[in-house]
Structures are given as C-alpha cells and as structure tokens.
Amino acid sequence: MADPLKSICEDPLERKWVWISLGLALVMGVMLGYYALASNIHPPSNVETIDPKTLHLSGEFAEDNLGVTTNPDGSITVRMIAARYSFYPQLVEVPADTEVTFRITAPDIVHGVHVPFSNMSTMVIPGYISEVTT
C-alpha cells in the first residue's frame, strides 16, 4: 500500500510522527465515544419552547403545578422554574432509587443545574423547557 503522506512529507521520520499523531487522535476519539456510551452521556434531544413572559400565568409552570408529581407508572416528575438567585420550588424531596424527570424553564437568563452524585446536569435557557431524566 502506498503511503498517502509521501507527497506531503519527504522525511520518513516526519511521516512516522504524523501517523502516530493520527493514531493517537483516533484512539482518543474511540475512548471518548466508549465513555459517553458506557456512562449514558448524551446531548439533550427534547426541544420544547415556551413563552418566558407568561410561563407562570397558566399551564404546566403555573405556581400551583410546580414541584413533585408522581406519575401512574411510579416515576416522578419535578417541575421547576430557575430564576435569578433561586429555584422555585426551593426544596424538592424525591424518594431514592426512583426515576425522576426534571422539567425546568427560566424567565430571565441562562442557568446551569447540576445534581451532585447523579448524571443530571443541564442548562436552562429562557424560552425553552429543559427535560432531564435521572
């Protein structure tokens, strides 16, 4: 097989290091892909929009609908609003070893949410509903 780098790199040592660099990049890509699959890390796939100016007036994010809801299948849904300096509701208690789906939106600015010791980490962007199941 002809070396495709022969026309670019005249020096054999240089070609060798280019192949080593490409091989290391390939190995790192495979390692990152395996880690993402093994740890169940994936980009968000649920895209829902909401009017940030009226989200608190009616619908799923009205004040009466915020908090923890138990679904018929036993899973838990938590609806929250992230606002400057606070989350509403401020305290959420869920049972251990239960699937929890967080549905969070924001009326003002971009917020970050991370639950320690879990795979739950997301950004909350005004105008969108962030949904994460953990």
Protein backbone atom coordinates (compact mmCIF):
# COMPACT_ATOMS: atom_id res chain seq x y z
CA MET A 1 0.00 0.00 0.00
CA ALA A 2 1.35 3.40 -0.97
CA ASP A 3 1.87 5.93 1.79
CA PRO A 4 -0.59 8.81 1.23
CA LEU A 5 1.71 11.16 3.15
CA LYS A 6 4.70 10.57 0.86
CA SER A 7 3.83 13.53 -1.37
CA ILE A 8 3.37 15.83 1.64
CA CYS A 9 6.17 14.68 3.95
CA GLU A 10 9.54 13.86 2.43
CA ASP A 11 11.24 12.80 5.63
CA PRO A 12 10.33 9.24 6.79
CA LEU A 13 10.62 10.24 10.45
CA GLU A 14 8.15 13.08 9.88
CA ARG A 15 5.69 10.66 8.21
CA LYS A 16 6.07 8.28 11.14
CA TRP A 17 5.16 11.01 13.67
CA VAL A 18 2.18 12.15 11.55
CA TRP A 19 0.85 8.56 11.57
CA ILE A 20 1.44 8.29 15.34
CA SER A 21 -0.44 11.59 15.89
CA LEU A 22 -3.37 10.44 13.73
CA GLY A 23 -3.43 7.10 15.55
CA LEU A 24 -3.49 8.79 18.96
CA ALA A 25 -6.33 11.08 17.83
CA LEU A 26 -8.29 8.03 16.66
CA VAL A 27 -7.67 6.20 19.95
CA MET A 28 -8.80 9.26 21.95
CA GLY A 29 -11.97 9.54 19.84
CA VAL A 30 -12.79 5.88 20.42
CA MET A 31 -12.15 6.27 24.17
CA LEU A 32 -14.43 9.33 24.40
CA GLY A 33 -17.17 7.56 22.43
CA TYR A 34 -16.95 4.47 24.65
CA TYR A 35 -17.01 6.59 27.82
CA ALA A 36 -20.06 8.53 26.61
CA LEU A 37 -21.94 5.31 25.82
CA ALA A 38 -20.87 3.49 28.98
CA SER A 39 -21.77 6.45 31.24
CA ASN A 40 -25.05 7.20 29.44
CA ILE A 41 -23.89 10.70 28.49
CA HIS A 42 -25.73 12.17 25.53
CA PRO A 43 -26.83 15.59 24.27
CA PRO A 44 -30.37 16.73 25.05
CA SER A 45 -32.89 15.59 22.48
CA ASN A 46 -36.09 17.09 23.86
CA VAL A 47 -36.72 20.58 22.41
CA GLU A 48 -39.81 22.37 23.68
CA THR A 49 -40.40 26.09 23.60
CA ILE A 50 -42.37 28.27 26.00
CA ASP A 51 -43.07 31.99 26.26
CA PRO A 52 -40.85 33.13 29.15
CA LYS A 53 -43.01 36.20 29.82
CA THR A 54 -46.19 34.23 30.52
CA LEU A 55 -44.91 30.86 31.76
CA HIS A 56 -46.06 31.50 35.35
CA LEU A 57 -49.61 32.51 34.41
CA SER A 58 -51.04 29.20 33.24
CA GLY A 59 -50.15 25.72 32.08
CA GLU A 60 -47.57 23.34 33.40
CA PHE A 61 -45.37 26.00 35.04
CA ALA A 62 -48.12 27.88 36.88
CA GLU A 63 -47.37 28.25 40.59
CA ASP A 64 -49.87 25.53 41.58
CA ASN A 65 -48.27 22.98 39.22
CA LEU A 66 -44.65 23.39 40.37
CA GLY A 67 -42.98 20.73 42.47
CA VAL A 68 -43.04 16.95 42.65
CA THR A 69 -45.69 14.88 40.85
CA THR A 70 -45.94 11.08 40.98
CA ASN A 71 -46.85 9.52 37.62
CA PRO A 72 -49.10 6.43 37.25
CA ASP A 73 -46.05 4.25 36.43
CA GLY A 74 -44.37 5.21 39.73
CA SER A 75 -41.83 7.61 38.22
CA ILE A 76 -41.53 11.17 39.48
CA THR A 77 -41.78 14.43 37.53
CA VAL A 78 -40.37 17.61 39.05
CA ARG A 79 -41.40 20.92 37.50
CA MET A 80 -39.23 23.91 38.41
CA ILE A 81 -38.58 27.49 37.40
CA ALA A 82 -35.00 28.76 37.58
CA ALA A 83 -34.88 32.49 38.29
CA ARG A 84 -32.16 34.86 39.39
CA TYR A 85 -30.72 33.79 42.71
CA SER A 86 -33.22 30.97 43.29
CA PHE A 87 -35.15 27.94 42.04
CA TYR A 88 -38.88 27.54 42.55
CA PRO A 89 -39.82 25.46 44.44
CA GLN A 90 -36.73 25.91 46.58
CA LEU A 91 -36.87 22.46 48.20
CA VAL A 92 -37.55 19.24 46.30
CA GLU A 93 -37.65 15.86 48.03
CA VAL A 94 -37.86 12.67 45.97
CA PRO A 95 -37.62 9.02 47.02
CA ALA A 96 -34.35 7.18 46.49
CA ASP A 97 -33.97 4.65 43.66
CA THR A 98 -36.83 6.16 41.65
CA GLU A 99 -36.67 7.52 38.12
CA VAL A 100 -37.00 11.31 38.27
CA THR A 101 -37.69 13.57 35.30
CA PHE A 102 -36.83 17.24 35.80
CA ARG A 103 -38.69 19.76 33.63
CA ILE A 104 -37.14 23.19 34.16
CA THR A 105 -37.54 26.55 32.45
CA ALA A 106 -36.38 30.10 33.10
CA PRO A 107 -38.00 33.51 32.58
CA ASP A 108 -34.85 35.65 32.67
CA ILE A 109 -31.31 34.38 31.98
CA VAL A 110 -29.38 31.17 31.25
CA HIS A 111 -28.95 28.97 34.34
CA GLY A 112 -26.93 25.83 34.98
CA VAL A 113 -28.30 22.94 37.03
CA HIS A 114 -26.23 20.08 38.43
CA VAL A 115 -27.29 17.42 40.93
CA PRO A 116 -24.19 16.00 42.64
CA PHE A 117 -23.67 12.22 42.62
CA SER A 118 -26.03 11.75 39.66
CA ASN A 119 -25.95 12.04 35.87
CA MET A 120 -28.18 15.14 35.99
CA SER A 121 -26.59 18.28 34.63
CA THR A 122 -28.20 20.70 32.20
CA MET A 123 -28.50 24.30 31.10
CA VAL A 124 -31.81 26.12 31.42
CA ILE A 125 -32.37 28.65 28.64
CA PRO A 126 -35.21 31.20 28.64
CA GLY A 127 -37.86 30.26 26.09
CA TYR A 128 -37.09 26.53 26.27
CA ILE A 129 -38.02 23.68 28.57
CA SER A 130 -35.07 21.57 29.70
CA GLU A 131 -36.01 17.95 30.40
CA VAL A 132 -33.58 15.55 32.07
CA THR A 133 -34.31 12.06 33.41
CA THR A 134 -32.09 10.56 36.07
